[in-house]
């Protein structure tokens, strides 16, 4: 697999997207800070759709530290 791009998370997690040897396929890999991975195969059309997404997140004026007592959904832990 040839890596297309990688995004390093603030929490030590990594999102990688790669091109597969099989035609018209790409792979997404998300690994957490402990090294556990989950993989997903997507089609060329899905990859194009994913890459064309544009969304503006309305960030707070000043970055604030994460409150350890803050309720964070389990999926993001």
Protein backbone atom coordinates (compact mmCIF):
# COMPACT_ATOMS: atom_id res chain seq x y z
CA UNK A 1 0.00 0.00 0.00
CA UNK A 2 1.25 3.48 -0.87
CA UNK A 3 0.53 6.14 1.76
CA UNK A 4 -1.39 9.12 0.37
CA UNK A 5 -1.51 11.20 3.55
CA UNK A 6 -1.28 10.97 7.32
CA UNK A 7 -2.69 13.19 10.04
CA UNK A 8 -1.23 13.02 13.56
CA UNK A 9 -3.76 13.57 16.34
CA UNK A 10 -3.18 15.74 19.38
CA UNK A 11 -3.69 12.67 21.57
CA UNK A 12 -1.08 10.50 19.85
CA UNK A 13 -3.54 8.87 17.46
CA UNK A 14 -2.88 8.69 13.71
CA UNK A 15 -5.16 8.73 10.67
CA UNK A 16 -3.59 7.29 7.51
CA UNK A 17 -5.03 6.94 4.03
CA UNK A 18 -3.32 4.80 1.43
CA UNK A 19 -3.73 3.57 -2.12
CA UNK A 20 -4.09 -0.20 -2.46
CA UNK A 21 -2.63 -2.45 -5.14
CA UNK A 22 -6.16 -3.54 -6.06
CA UNK A 23 -7.65 -1.14 -8.60
CA UNK A 24 -10.13 1.51 -7.47
CA UNK A 25 -9.53 0.95 -3.74
CA UNK A 26 -8.12 2.98 -0.89
CA UNK A 27 -7.60 2.07 2.76
CA UNK A 28 -8.15 4.15 5.88
CA UNK A 29 -6.30 3.24 9.07
CA UNK A 30 -6.88 4.85 12.45
CA UNK A 31 -4.54 3.92 15.27
CA UNK A 32 -4.84 5.13 18.84
CA UNK A 33 -1.97 6.13 21.11
CA UNK A 34 -1.71 2.51 22.34
CA UNK A 35 -1.10 1.29 18.79
CA UNK A 36 -4.48 -0.41 18.36
CA UNK A 37 -5.66 -0.08 14.76
CA UNK A 38 -8.90 -0.21 12.81
CA UNK A 39 -8.95 -0.44 9.02
CA UNK A 40 -11.56 0.40 6.42
CA UNK A 41 -11.49 -0.23 2.67
CA UNK A 42 -13.22 2.37 0.53
CA UNK A 43 -13.92 2.71 -3.17
CA UNK A 44 -12.39 5.30 -5.45
CA UNK A 45 -15.72 7.17 -5.51
CA UNK A 46 -15.88 7.24 -1.70
CA UNK A 47 -12.28 8.45 -1.52
CA UNK A 48 -13.05 11.30 -3.93
CA UNK A 49 -16.13 12.24 -1.89
CA UNK A 50 -14.12 12.17 1.35
CA UNK A 51 -11.40 14.40 -0.10
CA UNK A 52 -13.93 16.93 -1.39
CA UNK A 53 -15.61 17.50 1.98
CA UNK A 54 -15.22 21.02 3.29
CA UNK A 55 -16.60 21.95 6.69
CA UNK A 56 -15.92 25.02 8.77
CA UNK A 57 -15.63 24.33 12.48
CA UNK A 58 -16.42 27.35 14.61
CA UNK A 59 -13.42 27.38 16.93
CA UNK A 60 -13.43 29.23 20.25
CA UNK A 61 -11.60 32.56 20.30
CA UNK A 62 -8.89 31.29 22.65
CA UNK A 63 -7.81 27.66 22.80
CA UNK A 64 -8.52 26.23 26.22
CA UNK A 65 -6.88 23.29 27.97
CA UNK A 66 -8.84 20.06 28.05
CA UNK A 67 -10.67 19.63 31.33
CA UNK A 68 -10.00 16.08 32.53
CA UNK A 69 -13.48 16.01 34.13
CA UNK A 70 -15.14 16.99 30.86
CA UNK A 71 -17.54 14.43 29.41
CA UNK A 72 -15.79 13.07 26.33
CA UNK A 73 -17.70 10.49 24.27
CA UNK A 74 -16.26 6.99 24.67
CA UNK A 75 -15.44 6.84 20.95
CA UNK A 76 -12.89 9.67 21.42
CA UNK A 77 -11.17 8.18 24.48
